[in-house]
N, C-alpha and C. Protein backbone atom coordinates (compact mmCIF):
# COMPACT_ATOMS: atom_id res chain seq x y z
N MET A 1 76.92 104.55 110.15
CA MET A 1 76.49 103.75 111.27
C MET A 1 76.54 102.28 110.85
N SER A 2 77.35 101.50 111.51
CA SER A 2 77.44 100.08 111.17
C SER A 2 76.26 99.33 111.76
N LYS A 3 75.91 98.25 111.07
CA LYS A 3 74.83 97.38 111.53
C LYS A 3 75.42 96.02 111.83
N THR A 4 74.85 95.33 112.80
CA THR A 4 75.29 93.97 113.08
C THR A 4 74.08 93.05 113.02
N ASN A 5 74.30 91.87 112.46
CA ASN A 5 73.29 90.84 112.37
C ASN A 5 73.95 89.51 112.67
N ALA A 6 73.20 88.58 113.24
CA ALA A 6 73.72 87.23 113.47
C ALA A 6 73.41 86.37 112.26
N ASN A 7 74.40 85.58 111.82
CA ASN A 7 74.14 84.67 110.71
C ASN A 7 73.66 83.32 111.26
N THR A 8 73.52 82.34 110.39
CA THR A 8 72.98 81.05 110.81
C THR A 8 73.90 80.31 111.77
N ASP A 9 75.18 80.65 111.78
CA ASP A 9 76.13 80.03 112.71
C ASP A 9 76.13 80.71 114.07
N GLY A 10 75.34 81.76 114.21
CA GLY A 10 75.31 82.51 115.45
C GLY A 10 76.42 83.55 115.55
N LEU A 11 77.23 83.67 114.49
CA LEU A 11 78.29 84.66 114.48
C LEU A 11 77.71 86.01 114.08
N VAL A 12 78.24 87.06 114.64
CA VAL A 12 77.74 88.40 114.35
C VAL A 12 78.44 88.94 113.11
N GLN A 13 77.65 89.44 112.17
CA GLN A 13 78.16 90.04 110.95
C GLN A 13 78.04 91.55 111.08
N GLU A 14 79.11 92.26 110.77
CA GLU A 14 79.11 93.71 110.88
C GLU A 14 79.11 94.32 109.48
N TYR A 15 78.15 95.20 109.21
CA TYR A 15 78.03 95.88 107.93
C TYR A 15 78.42 97.34 108.11
N LEU A 16 79.37 97.78 107.30
CA LEU A 16 79.94 99.11 107.44
C LEU A 16 79.63 99.98 106.23
N THR A 17 79.59 101.29 106.47
CA THR A 17 79.52 102.25 105.38
C THR A 17 80.93 102.39 104.80
N LYS A 18 81.02 103.04 103.65
CA LYS A 18 82.33 103.27 103.04
C LYS A 18 83.23 104.08 103.97
N GLU A 19 82.66 105.06 104.63
CA GLU A 19 83.43 105.91 105.53
C GLU A 19 83.97 105.10 106.72
N GLU A 20 83.11 104.25 107.28
CA GLU A 20 83.52 103.41 108.41
C GLU A 20 84.60 102.42 107.99
N LEU A 21 84.44 101.84 106.80
CA LEU A 21 85.43 100.89 106.31
C LEU A 21 86.77 101.58 106.08
N ALA A 22 86.74 102.75 105.46
CA ALA A 22 87.97 103.49 105.22
C ALA A 22 88.69 103.78 106.54
N LYS A 23 87.94 104.15 107.54
CA LYS A 23 88.54 104.44 108.85
C LYS A 23 89.18 103.19 109.45
N LYS A 24 88.47 102.05 109.38
CA LYS A 24 89.03 100.79 109.92
C LYS A 24 90.27 100.35 109.18
N LEU A 25 90.29 100.59 107.87
CA LEU A 25 91.44 100.19 107.05
C LEU A 25 92.56 101.22 107.08
N LYS A 26 92.29 102.37 107.70
CA LYS A 26 93.23 103.50 107.70
C LYS A 26 93.58 103.88 106.26
N ALA A 27 92.52 104.01 105.46
CA ALA A 27 92.64 104.36 104.05
C ALA A 27 91.65 105.47 103.74
N THR A 28 91.74 106.00 102.53
CA THR A 28 90.79 107.03 102.13
C THR A 28 89.55 106.38 101.53
N LYS A 29 88.47 107.14 101.44
CA LYS A 29 87.25 106.65 100.78
C LYS A 29 87.54 106.35 99.31
N ARG A 30 88.39 107.13 98.70
CA ARG A 30 88.76 106.91 97.30
C ARG A 30 89.49 105.57 97.15
N SER A 31 90.34 105.23 98.10
CA SER A 31 91.03 103.94 98.06
C SER A 31 90.03 102.80 98.14
N VAL A 32 89.02 102.95 99.00
CA VAL A 32 87.97 101.93 99.09
C VAL A 32 87.27 101.79 97.75
N ASP A 33 86.94 102.91 97.10
CA ASP A 33 86.34 102.86 95.77
C ASP A 33 87.24 102.12 94.78
N ASN A 34 88.53 102.39 94.83
CA ASN A 34 89.48 101.73 93.93
C ASN A 34 89.53 100.23 94.20
N TYR A 35 89.56 99.83 95.46
CA TYR A 35 89.59 98.40 95.81
C TYR A 35 88.34 97.69 95.29
N VAL A 36 87.19 98.35 95.39
CA VAL A 36 85.94 97.76 94.90
C VAL A 36 85.99 97.65 93.38
N ALA A 37 86.43 98.72 92.71
CA ALA A 37 86.49 98.73 91.24
C ALA A 37 87.42 97.65 90.71
N LYS A 38 88.49 97.37 91.44
CA LYS A 38 89.45 96.35 91.02
C LYS A 38 89.03 94.95 91.45
N GLY A 39 87.91 94.86 92.19
CA GLY A 39 87.43 93.55 92.64
C GLY A 39 88.21 92.99 93.81
N ILE A 40 88.94 93.85 94.51
CA ILE A 40 89.74 93.39 95.64
C ILE A 40 88.86 93.15 96.87
N ILE A 41 87.91 94.04 97.10
CA ILE A 41 87.00 93.86 98.23
C ILE A 41 85.56 93.85 97.74
N PRO A 42 84.71 93.05 98.40
CA PRO A 42 83.31 92.95 97.99
C PRO A 42 82.44 94.04 98.60
N LYS A 43 81.46 94.48 97.81
CA LYS A 43 80.48 95.47 98.27
C LYS A 43 79.11 94.84 98.09
N ILE A 44 78.22 95.08 99.03
CA ILE A 44 76.85 94.60 98.88
C ILE A 44 75.90 95.78 98.93
N LYS A 45 74.74 95.60 98.34
CA LYS A 45 73.70 96.62 98.37
C LYS A 45 72.61 96.16 99.31
N ILE A 46 72.24 97.01 100.24
CA ILE A 46 71.14 96.76 101.16
C ILE A 46 70.17 97.91 101.01
N GLY A 47 69.02 97.62 100.43
CA GLY A 47 68.02 98.68 100.23
C GLY A 47 68.54 99.84 99.42
N GLY A 48 69.39 99.58 98.43
CA GLY A 48 69.92 100.64 97.60
C GLY A 48 71.15 101.32 98.17
N LEU A 49 71.55 100.95 99.38
CA LEU A 49 72.72 101.54 100.01
C LEU A 49 73.89 100.56 99.94
N SER A 50 75.07 101.07 99.68
CA SER A 50 76.26 100.23 99.65
C SER A 50 76.76 99.99 101.06
N ARG A 51 77.05 98.74 101.34
CA ARG A 51 77.59 98.35 102.65
C ARG A 51 78.69 97.33 102.43
N PHE A 52 79.54 97.20 103.43
CA PHE A 52 80.66 96.27 103.38
C PHE A 52 80.59 95.36 104.59
N ASN A 53 80.66 94.06 104.35
CA ASN A 53 80.67 93.08 105.43
C ASN A 53 82.13 92.98 105.89
N TRP A 54 82.39 93.34 107.13
CA TRP A 54 83.75 93.41 107.64
C TRP A 54 84.47 92.07 107.53
N ALA A 55 83.80 90.98 107.87
CA ALA A 55 84.42 89.65 107.79
C ALA A 55 84.79 89.31 106.35
N HIS A 56 83.92 89.65 105.40
CA HIS A 56 84.20 89.36 103.99
C HIS A 56 85.35 90.22 103.47
N VAL A 57 85.41 91.46 103.91
CA VAL A 57 86.51 92.35 103.50
C VAL A 57 87.84 91.81 104.03
N CYS A 58 87.86 91.42 105.30
CA CYS A 58 89.10 90.87 105.89
C CYS A 58 89.53 89.62 105.14
N ASN A 59 88.59 88.75 104.85
CA ASN A 59 88.88 87.51 104.13
C ASN A 59 89.43 87.82 102.73
N ALA A 60 88.81 88.76 102.04
CA ALA A 60 89.25 89.12 100.69
C ALA A 60 90.67 89.70 100.72
N LEU A 61 90.96 90.53 101.71
CA LEU A 61 92.29 91.11 101.81
C LEU A 61 93.33 90.06 102.17
N GLU A 62 92.97 89.13 103.04
CA GLU A 62 93.90 88.04 103.38
C GLU A 62 94.17 87.17 102.16
N ASN A 63 93.15 86.87 101.37
CA ASN A 63 93.33 86.08 100.16
C ASN A 63 94.17 86.82 99.13
N GLN A 64 94.02 88.14 99.08
CA GLN A 64 94.80 88.98 98.18
C GLN A 64 96.28 88.89 98.54
N GLU A 65 96.58 88.94 99.84
CA GLU A 65 97.95 88.84 100.32
C GLU A 65 98.55 87.48 99.96
N GLY A 66 97.75 86.43 100.12
CA GLY A 66 98.22 85.09 99.86
C GLY A 66 98.46 84.79 98.39
N SER A 67 97.84 85.56 97.50
CA SER A 67 97.96 85.31 96.07
C SER A 67 99.17 85.98 95.44
N LYS A 68 99.90 86.77 96.22
CA LYS A 68 101.09 87.47 95.68
C LYS A 68 102.30 86.57 95.69
C-alpha cells in the first residue's frame, strides 16, 4: 500500500513498497533488491519498514542514464 505525503513545497510524495515499485518499474522484486544493493536507487526506512520514494527513484534512474 503506497502512502502519499505533501512536502514543504506542497508537492505530493509517494512512498512505495518493494512490490509496488517492482510493478511500476516492470521489474522483479529481486531486481529492485539488486538496484538497491548497487546503490542505483535509494531506499528509506519508515518505522522499520523499507519504502521507496517514487520521485527519488525516478530521479536516480534518470541520473543513472545520464552518467553512461
